Amino acid sequence: MSMEGRRIAITGPTAGIGRSAALELAGRGALLTLTRSLARRLQSTRAQALGPG
């Protein structure tokens, strides 16, 4: 199912289900807001979700 243009907030996107959901939804075109207390791990997930370019 396409998530193109949908806005989705995910808490805890750096590990487990939150990470899997973030990467899957990003791959389907969702616009994500990711929140996490550990900024370093959040940046890693963000970079992967955005992909190259």
Protein backbone atom coordinates (compact mmCIF):
# COMPACT_ATOMS: atom_id res chain seq x y z
CA MET A 1 0.00 0.00 0.00
CA SER A 2 1.35 3.42 -0.92
CA MET A 3 1.92 5.87 1.90
CA GLU A 4 2.93 8.63 -0.52
CA GLY A 5 2.54 12.04 1.09
CA ARG A 6 1.09 10.77 4.38
CA ARG A 7 2.55 12.34 7.51
CA ILE A 8 3.44 9.87 10.25
CA ALA A 9 5.10 10.41 13.64
CA ILE A 10 7.15 7.55 15.07
CA THR A 11 8.58 7.50 18.58
CA GLY A 12 11.53 5.23 19.30
CA PRO A 13 12.58 4.74 15.65
CA THR A 14 16.15 3.67 16.40
CA ALA A 15 15.55 0.01 17.23
CA GLY A 16 13.07 -2.83 17.01
CA ILE A 17 9.56 -2.27 15.69
CA GLY A 18 9.94 1.52 15.55
CA ARG A 19 13.02 1.25 13.33
CA SER A 20 11.41 -1.35 11.07
CA ALA A 21 8.29 0.78 10.75
CA ALA A 22 10.28 3.93 9.97
CA LEU A 23 12.28 2.27 7.21
CA GLU A 24 9.25 0.49 5.71
CA LEU A 25 7.07 3.61 5.73
CA ALA A 26 9.84 5.78 4.30
CA GLY A 27 10.24 3.25 1.51
CA ARG A 28 6.53 3.61 0.75
CA GLY A 29 6.77 7.40 0.46
CA ALA A 30 5.55 8.52 3.89
CA LEU A 31 6.73 11.83 5.34
CA LEU A 32 8.11 10.91 8.76
CA THR A 33 8.63 12.78 12.00
CA LEU A 34 11.04 10.75 14.13
CA THR A 35 11.55 11.41 17.83
CA ARG A 36 14.08 9.79 20.14
CA SER A 37 16.14 10.78 23.14
CA LEU A 38 19.42 9.43 21.68
CA ALA A 39 20.24 11.84 18.85
CA ARG A 40 23.17 9.82 17.47
CA ARG A 41 21.02 6.75 16.86
CA LEU A 42 18.21 8.88 15.46
CA GLN A 43 20.56 10.40 12.86
CA SER A 44 21.57 6.90 11.71
CA THR A 45 17.94 5.83 11.19
CA ARG A 46 17.13 9.13 9.50
CA ALA A 47 20.01 8.73 7.04
CA GLN A 48 18.89 5.21 6.15
CA ALA A 49 15.25 6.23 5.75
CA LEU A 50 16.17 9.12 3.43
CA GLY A 51 18.48 6.92 1.37
CA PRO A 52 20.93 8.22 -1.20
CA GLY A 53 20.04 11.62 -2.60
